[in-house]
Amino acid sequence: MKRIIQFRISKGDKYYVAEGIDLSIVTQGETLDELAKNIQEAVELHLEGESPADFDIDPNPSILMNLELPVQIHA
């Protein structure tokens, strides 16, 4: 059973976008703080009325956000 729900974060032109790795959730926010709140709300809504065990998730999971940074290579 997973104790951590993972999200991949990327920066678009205007918004940060979070894509769930463990759950089918996508959300966005103008700041990382707003995005963190939106992720938490989206997870709560996604699991509302459901048993976390049905998703192979611990009843009290943590959320891990991985931010992808662009790599600039100078030649």
PDB file of N, CA and C in Angstrom:
ATOM      1  N   MET A   1       0.838  -1.169   0.000  1.00  0.00           N
ATOM      2  CA  MET A   1       0.000   0.000   0.000  1.00  0.00           C
ATOM      3  C   MET A   1       0.894   1.248   0.000  1.00  0.00           C
ATOM      4  N   LYS A   2       0.580   2.208  -0.871  1.00  0.00           N
ATOM      5  CA  LYS A   2       1.402   3.411  -1.008  1.00  0.00           C
ATOM      6  C   LYS A   2       1.082   4.405   0.104  1.00  0.00           C
ATOM      7  N   ARG A   3       2.132   4.915   0.723  1.00  0.00           N
ATOM      8  CA  ARG A   3       1.981   5.932   1.756  1.00  0.00           C
ATOM      9  C   ARG A   3       2.194   7.335   1.182  1.00  0.00           C
ATOM     10  N   ILE A   4       2.687   7.387  -0.066  1.00  0.00           N
ATOM     11  CA  ILE A   4       2.989   8.679  -0.690  1.00  0.00           C
ATOM     12  C   ILE A   4       2.283   8.749  -2.048  1.00  0.00           C
ATOM     13  N   ILE A   5       1.557   9.841  -2.272  1.00  0.00           N
ATOM     14  CA  ILE A   5       0.926  10.115  -3.562  1.00  0.00           C
ATOM     15  C   ILE A   5       1.835  11.109  -4.276  1.00  0.00           C
ATOM     16  N   GLN A   6       2.306  10.742  -5.463  1.00  0.00           N
ATOM     17  CA  GLN A   6       3.297  11.558  -6.166  1.00  0.00           C
ATOM     18  C   GLN A   6       2.680  12.401  -7.281  1.00  0.00           C
ATOM     19  N   PHE A   7       3.248  13.595  -7.448  1.00  0.00           N
ATOM     20  CA  PHE A   7       2.863  14.503  -8.521  1.00  0.00           C
ATOM     21  C   PHE A   7       4.106  15.036  -9.206  1.00  0.00           C
ATOM     22  N   ARG A   8       4.031  15.160 -10.521  1.00  0.00           N
ATOM     23  CA  ARG A   8       5.105  15.751 -11.321  1.00  0.00           C
ATOM     24  C   ARG A   8       4.677  17.185 -11.628  1.00  0.00           C
ATOM     25  N   ILE A   9       5.530  18.141 -11.285  1.00  0.00           N
ATOM     26  CA  ILE A   9       5.233  19.559 -11.466  1.00  0.00           C
ATOM     27  C   ILE A   9       6.082  20.107 -12.606  1.00  0.00           C
ATOM     28  N   SER A  10       5.445  20.849 -13.491  1.00  0.00           N
ATOM     29  CA  SER A  10       6.186  21.532 -14.554  1.00  0.00           C
ATOM     30  C   SER A  10       5.687  22.971 -14.634  1.00  0.00           C
ATOM     31  N   LYS A  11       6.498  23.844 -15.197  1.00  0.00           N
ATOM     32  CA  LYS A  11       6.145  25.255 -15.317  1.00  0.00           C
ATOM     33  C   LYS A  11       5.753  25.540 -16.748  1.00  0.00           C
ATOM     34  N   GLY A  12       4.513  26.006 -16.944  1.00  0.00           N
ATOM     35  CA  GLY A  12       4.055  26.426 -18.260  1.00  0.00           C
ATOM     36  C   GLY A  12       4.374  27.900 -18.437  1.00  0.00           C
ATOM     37  N   ASP A  13       3.765  28.527 -19.426  1.00  0.00           N
ATOM     38  CA  ASP A  13       4.001  29.949 -19.666  1.00  0.00           C
ATOM     39  C   ASP A  13       3.528  30.809 -18.496  1.00  0.00           C
ATOM     40  N   LYS A  14       2.370  30.440 -17.924  1.00  0.00           N
ATOM     41  CA  LYS A  14       1.791  31.253 -16.858  1.00  0.00           C
ATOM     42  C   LYS A  14       1.559  30.468 -15.570  1.00  0.00           C
ATOM     43  N   TYR A  15       1.314  29.175 -15.668  1.00  0.00           N
ATOM     44  CA  TYR A  15       0.926  28.371 -14.513  1.00  0.00           C
ATOM     45  C   TYR A  15       1.884  27.211 -14.266  1.00  0.00           C
ATOM     46  N   TYR A  16       1.943  26.799 -13.018  1.00  0.00           N
ATOM     47  CA  TYR A  16       2.568  25.529 -12.674  1.00  0.00           C
ATOM     48  C   TYR A  16       1.491  24.464 -12.853  1.00  0.00           C
ATOM     49  N   VAL A  17       1.862  23.336 -13.432  1.00  0.00           N
ATOM     50  CA  VAL A  17       0.919  22.253 -13.695  1.00  0.00           C
ATOM     51  C   VAL A  17       1.375  21.010 -12.946  1.00  0.00           C
ATOM     52  N   ALA A  18       0.437  20.371 -12.254  1.00  0.00           N
ATOM     53  CA  ALA A  18       0.721  19.146 -11.508  1.00  0.00           C
ATOM     54  C   ALA A  18      -0.010  17.991 -12.162  1.00  0.00           C
ATOM     55  N   GLU A  19       0.723  16.928 -12.457  1.00  0.00           N
ATOM     56  CA  GLU A  19       0.143  15.706 -13.014  1.00  0.00           C
ATOM     57  C   GLU A  19       0.369  14.572 -12.028  1.00  0.00           C
ATOM     58  N   GLY A  20      -0.712  13.919 -11.631  1.00  0.00           N
ATOM     59  CA  GLY A  20      -0.613  12.814 -10.694  1.00  0.00           C
ATOM     60  C   GLY A  20       0.055  11.608 -11.326  1.00  0.00           C
ATOM     61  N   ILE A  21       0.949  10.993 -10.585  1.00  0.00           N
ATOM     62  CA  ILE A  21       1.609   9.772 -11.035  1.00  0.00           C
ATOM     63  C   ILE A  21       0.819   8.567 -10.548  1.00  0.00           C
ATOM     64  N   ASP A  22       0.288   8.660  -9.330  1.00  0.00           N
ATOM     65  CA  ASP A  22      -0.434   7.549  -8.723  1.00  0.00           C
ATOM     66  C   ASP A  22      -1.946   7.633  -8.913  1.00  0.00           C
ATOM     67  N   LEU A  23      -2.464   8.831  -9.138  1.00  0.00           N
ATOM     68  CA  LEU A  23      -3.893   9.038  -9.346  1.00  0.00           C
ATOM     69  C   LEU A  23      -4.092   9.880 -10.604  1.00  0.00           C
ATOM     70  N   SER A  24      -5.210   9.710 -11.258  1.00  0.00           N
ATOM     71  CA  SER A  24      -5.519  10.458 -12.485  1.00  0.00           C
ATOM     72  C   SER A  24      -6.012  11.851 -12.115  1.00  0.00           C
ATOM     73  N   ILE A  25      -5.074  12.711 -11.740  1.00  0.00           N
ATOM     74  CA  ILE A  25      -5.398  14.072 -11.318  1.00  0.00           C
ATOM     75  C   ILE A  25      -4.462  15.027 -12.039  1.00  0.00           C
ATOM     76  N   VAL A  26      -5.036  16.119 -12.555  1.00  0.00           N
ATOM     77  CA  VAL A  26      -4.245  17.211 -13.131  1.00  0.00           C
ATOM     78  C   VAL A  26      -4.831  18.501 -12.580  1.00  0.00           C
ATOM     79  N   THR A  27      -3.965  19.384 -12.091  1.00  0.00           N
ATOM     80  CA  THR A  27      -4.411  20.676 -11.585  1.00  0.00           C
ATOM     81  C   THR A  27      -3.323  21.702 -11.845  1.00  0.00           C
ATOM     82  N   GLN A  28      -3.634  22.967 -11.605  1.00  0.00           N
ATOM     83  CA  GLN A  28      -2.655  24.019 -11.870  1.00  0.00           C
ATOM     84  C   GLN A  28      -2.783  25.135 -10.850  1.00  0.00           C
ATOM     85  N   GLY A  29      -1.780  26.030 -10.822  1.00  0.00           N
ATOM     86  CA  GLY A  29      -1.796  27.193  -9.946  1.00  0.00           C
ATOM     87  C   GLY A  29      -0.785  28.207 -10.425  1.00  0.00           C
ATOM     88  N   GLU A  30      -1.055  29.476 -10.120  1.00  0.00           N
ATOM     89  CA  GLU A  30      -0.123  30.532 -10.542  1.00  0.00           C
ATOM     90  C   GLU A  30       1.170  30.508  -9.742  1.00  0.00           C
ATOM     91  N   THR A  31       1.096  30.064  -8.483  1.00  0.00           N
ATOM     92  CA  THR A  31       2.286  29.969  -7.632  1.00  0.00           C
ATOM     93  C   THR A  31       2.393  28.533  -7.120  1.00  0.00           C
ATOM     94  N   LEU A  32       3.558  28.188  -6.581  1.00  0.00           N
ATOM     95  CA  LEU A  32       3.726  26.851  -6.013  1.00  0.00           C
ATOM     96  C   LEU A  32       2.850  26.664  -4.771  1.00  0.00           C
ATOM     97  N   ASP A  33       2.661  27.739  -3.994  1.00  0.00           N
ATOM     98  CA  ASP A  33       1.785  27.652  -2.820  1.00  0.00           C
ATOM     99  C   ASP A  33       0.344  27.372  -3.244  1.00  0.00           C
ATOM    100  N   GLU A  34      -0.121  28.086  -4.259  1.00  0.00           N
ATOM    101  CA  GLU A  34      -1.480  27.860  -4.769  1.00  0.00           C
ATOM    102  C   GLU A  34      -1.604  26.451  -5.335  1.00  0.00           C
ATOM    103  N   LEU A  35      -0.582  26.012  -6.037  1.00  0.00           N
ATOM    104  CA  LEU A  35      -0.590  24.676  -6.615  1.00  0.00           C
ATOM    105  C   LEU A  35      -0.660  23.610  -5.530  1.00  0.00           C
ATOM    106  N   ALA A  36       0.095  23.779  -4.450  1.00  0.00           N
ATOM    107  CA  ALA A  36       0.074  22.811  -3.351  1.00  0.00           C
ATOM    108  C   ALA A  36      -1.325  22.705  -2.756  1.00  0.00           C
ATOM    109  N   LYS A  37      -1.990  23.844  -2.562  1.00  0.00           N
ATOM    110  CA  LYS A  37      -3.364  23.834  -2.045  1.00  0.00           C
ATOM    111  C   LYS A  37      -4.310  23.141  -3.026  1.00  0.00           C
ATOM    112  N   ASN A  38      -4.136  23.423  -4.322  1.00  0.00           N
ATOM    113  CA  ASN A  38      -4.997  22.814  -5.341  1.00  0.00           C
ATOM    114  C   ASN A  38      -4.791  21.301  -5.412  1.00  0.00           C
ATOM    115  N   ILE A  39      -3.549  20.847  -5.249  1.00  0.00           N
ATOM    116  CA  ILE A  39      -3.268  19.408  -5.261  1.00  0.00           C
ATOM    117  C   ILE A  39      -3.962  18.735  -4.083  1.00  0.00           C
ATOM    118  N   GLN A  40      -3.813  19.327  -2.908  1.00  0.00           N
ATOM    119  CA  GLN A  40      -4.431  18.740  -1.712  1.00  0.00           C
ATOM    120  C   GLN A  40      -5.949  18.666  -1.880  1.00  0.00           C
ATOM    121  N   GLU A  41      -6.560  19.731  -2.376  1.00  0.00           N
ATOM    122  CA  GLU A  41      -8.009  19.748  -2.592  1.00  0.00           C
ATOM    123  C   GLU A  41      -8.419  18.716  -3.652  1.00  0.00           C
ATOM    124  N   ALA A  42      -7.642  18.622  -4.719  1.00  0.00           N
ATOM    125  CA  ALA A  42      -7.964  17.673  -5.789  1.00  0.00           C
ATOM    126  C   ALA A  42      -7.884  16.227  -5.294  1.00  0.00           C
ATOM    127  N   VAL A  43      -6.881  15.925  -4.473  1.00  0.00           N
ATOM    128  CA  VAL A  43      -6.753  14.564  -3.921  1.00  0.00           C
ATOM    129  C   VAL A  43      -7.939  14.265  -3.009  1.00  0.00           C
ATOM    130  N   GLU A  44      -8.295  15.223  -2.150  1.00  0.00           N
ATOM    131  CA  GLU A  44      -9.429  15.023  -1.243  1.00  0.00           C
ATOM    132  C   GLU A  44     -10.717  14.784  -2.035  1.00  0.00           C
ATOM    133  N   LEU A  45     -10.930  15.568  -3.091  1.00  0.00           N
ATOM    134  CA  LEU A  45     -12.131  15.390  -3.912  1.00  0.00           C
ATOM    135  C   LEU A  45     -12.113  14.056  -4.659  1.00  0.00           C
ATOM    136  N   HIS A  46     -10.945  13.684  -5.145  1.00  0.00           N
ATOM    137  CA  HIS A  46     -10.810  12.429  -5.893  1.00  0.00           C
ATOM    138  C   HIS A  46     -11.126  11.217  -5.014  1.00  0.00           C
ATOM    139  N   LEU A  47     -10.716  11.288  -3.751  1.00  0.00           N
ATOM    140  CA  LEU A  47     -10.903  10.156  -2.841  1.00  0.00           C
ATOM    141  C   LEU A  47     -12.186  10.255  -2.010  1.00  0.00           C
ATOM    142  N   GLU A  48     -12.902  11.380  -2.139  1.00  0.00           N
ATOM    143  CA  GLU A  48     -14.123  11.576  -1.357  1.00  0.00           C
ATOM    144  C   GLU A  48     -15.137  10.467  -1.636  1.00  0.00           C
ATOM    145  N   GLY A  49     -15.602   9.845  -0.575  1.00  0.00           N
ATOM    146  CA  GLY A  49     -16.585   8.779  -0.697  1.00  0.00           C
ATOM    147  C   GLY A  49     -16.006   7.463  -1.177  1.00  0.00           C
ATOM    148  N   GLU A  50     -14.704   7.407  -1.343  1.00  0.00           N
ATOM    149  CA  GLU A  50     -14.025   6.193  -1.808  1.00  0.00           C
ATOM    150  C   GLU A  50     -13.164   5.624  -0.682  1.00  0.00           C
ATOM    151  N   SER A  51     -12.845   4.385  -0.789  1.00  0.00           N
ATOM    152  CA  SER A  51     -11.910   3.774   0.142  1.00  0.00           C
ATOM    153  C   SER A  51     -10.511   3.902  -0.457  1.00  0.00           C
ATOM    154  N   PRO A  52      -9.575   4.549   0.256  1.00  0.00           N
ATOM    155  CA  PRO A  52      -8.209   4.658  -0.279  1.00  0.00           C
ATOM    156  C   PRO A  52      -7.615   3.295  -0.623  1.00  0.00           C
ATOM    157  N   ALA A  53      -8.038   2.261   0.085  1.00  0.00           N
ATOM    158  CA  ALA A  53      -7.524   0.907  -0.184  1.00  0.00           C
ATOM    159  C   ALA A  53      -7.872   0.470  -1.604  1.00  0.00           C
ATOM    160  N   ASP A  54      -8.985   0.964  -2.150  1.00  0.00           N
ATOM    161  CA  ASP A  54      -9.357   0.621  -3.532  1.00  0.00           C
ATOM    162  C   ASP A  54      -8.340   1.160  -4.539  1.00  0.00           C
ATOM    163  N   PHE A  55      -7.592   2.190  -4.136  1.00  0.00           N
ATOM    164  CA  PHE A  55      -6.559   2.785  -4.981  1.00  0.00           C
ATOM    165  C   PHE A  55      -5.167   2.344  -4.540  1.00  0.00           C
ATOM    166  N   ASP A  56      -5.106   1.372  -3.618  1.00  0.00           N
ATOM    167  CA  ASP A  56      -3.861   0.878  -3.042  1.00  0.00           C
ATOM    168  C   ASP A  56      -3.095   2.001  -2.332  1.00  0.00           C
ATOM    169  N   ILE A  57      -3.857   2.870  -1.637  1.00  0.00           N
ATOM    170  CA  ILE A  57      -3.283   4.004  -0.936  1.00  0.00           C
ATOM    171  C   ILE A  57      -3.592   3.889   0.554  1.00  0.00           C
ATOM    172  N   ASP A  58      -2.603   4.193   1.376  1.00  0.00           N
ATOM    173  CA  ASP A  58      -2.750   4.211   2.827  1.00  0.00           C
ATOM    174  C   ASP A  58      -3.851   5.210   3.215  1.00  0.00           C
ATOM    175  N   PRO A  59      -4.588   4.955   4.295  1.00  0.00           N
ATOM    176  CA  PRO A  59      -5.653   5.878   4.710  1.00  0.00           C
ATOM    177  C   PRO A  59      -5.162   7.289   5.052  1.00  0.00           C
ATOM    178  N   ASN A  60      -3.893   7.449   5.416  1.00  0.00           N
ATOM    179  CA  ASN A  60      -3.329   8.766   5.743  1.00  0.00           C
ATOM    180  C   ASN A  60      -2.064   9.017   4.927  1.00  0.00           C
ATOM    181  N   PRO A  61      -2.214   9.217   3.619  1.00  0.00           N
ATOM    182  CA  PRO A  61      -1.028   9.363   2.776  1.00  0.00           C
ATOM    183  C   PRO A  61      -0.410  10.751   2.863  1.00  0.00           C
ATOM    184  N   SER A  62       0.824  10.841   2.415  1.00  0.00           N
ATOM    185  CA  SER A  62       1.517  12.116   2.231  1.00  0.00           C
ATOM    186  C   SER A  62       1.527  12.409   0.735  1.00  0.00           C
ATOM    187  N   ILE A  63       1.758  13.671   0.399  1.00  0.00           N
ATOM    188  CA  ILE A  63       1.841  14.070  -1.006  1.00  0.00           C
ATOM    189  C   ILE A  63       3.264  14.525  -1.291  1.00  0.00           C
ATOM    190  N   LEU A  64       3.850  13.991  -2.359  1.00  0.00           N
ATOM    191  CA  LEU A  64       5.198  14.359  -2.784  1.00  0.00           C
ATOM    192  C   LEU A  64       5.101  15.064  -4.128  1.00  0.00           C
ATOM    193  N   MET A  65       5.639  16.300  -4.196  1.00  0.00           N
ATOM    194  CA  MET A  65       5.634  17.069  -5.435  1.00  0.00           C
ATOM    195  C   MET A  65       7.059  17.134  -5.968  1.00  0.00           C
ATOM    196  N   ASN A  66       7.247  16.672  -7.205  1.00  0.00           N
ATOM    197  CA  ASN A  66       8.552  16.715  -7.866  1.00  0.00           C
ATOM    198  C   ASN A  66       8.516  17.812  -8.928  1.00  0.00           C
ATOM    199  N   LEU A  67       9.359  18.821  -8.787  1.00  0.00           N
ATOM    200  CA  LEU A  67       9.393  19.935  -9.724  1.00  0.00           C
ATOM    201  C   LEU A  67      10.455  19.681 -10.781  1.00  0.00           C
ATOM    202  N   GLU A  68      10.030  19.701 -12.036  1.00  0.00           N
ATOM    203  CA  GLU A  68      10.953  19.526 -13.160  1.00  0.00           C
ATOM    204  C   GLU A  68      11.533  20.886 -13.529  1.00  0.00           C
ATOM    205  N   LEU A  69      12.849  20.986 -13.497  1.00  0.00           N
ATOM    206  CA  LEU A  69      13.521  22.229 -13.879  1.00  0.00           C
ATOM    207  C   LEU A  69      14.145  22.054 -15.260  1.00  0.00           C
ATOM    208  N   PRO A  70      14.030  23.060 -16.109  1.00  0.00           N
ATOM    209  CA  PRO A  70      14.663  22.950 -17.430  1.00  0.00           C
ATOM    210  C   PRO A  70      16.172  23.031 -17.299  1.00  0.00           C
ATOM    211  N   VAL A  71      16.857  22.256 -18.100  1.00  0.00           N
ATOM    212  CA  VAL A  71      18.322  22.237 -18.098  1.00  0.00           C
ATOM    213  C   VAL A  71      18.795  23.082 -19.272  1.00  0.00           C
ATOM    214  N   GLN A  72      19.669  24.029 -18.972  1.00  0.00           N
ATOM    215  CA  GLN A  72      20.251  24.850 -20.026  1.00  0.00           C
ATOM    216  C   GLN A  72      21.686  24.427 -20.230  1.00  0.00           C
ATOM    217  N   ILE A  73      21.970  23.924 -21.394  1.00  0.00           N
ATOM    218  CA  ILE A  73      23.303  23.448 -21.719  1.00  0.00           C
ATOM    219  C   ILE A  73      24.011  24.516 -22.548  1.00  0.00           C
ATOM    220  N   HIS A  74      25.175  24.888 -22.073  1.00  0.00           N
ATOM    221  CA  HIS A  74      25.968  25.889 -22.798  1.00  0.00           C
ATOM    222  C   HIS A  74      27.142  25.173 -23.474  1.00  0.00           C
ATOM    223  N   ALA A  75      27.249  25.383 -24.759  1.00  0.00           N
ATOM    224  CA  ALA A  75      28.327  24.719 -25.500  1.00  0.00           C
ATOM    225  C   ALA A  75      29.448  25.685 -25.780  1.00  0.00           C
TER     226      ALA A  75
END
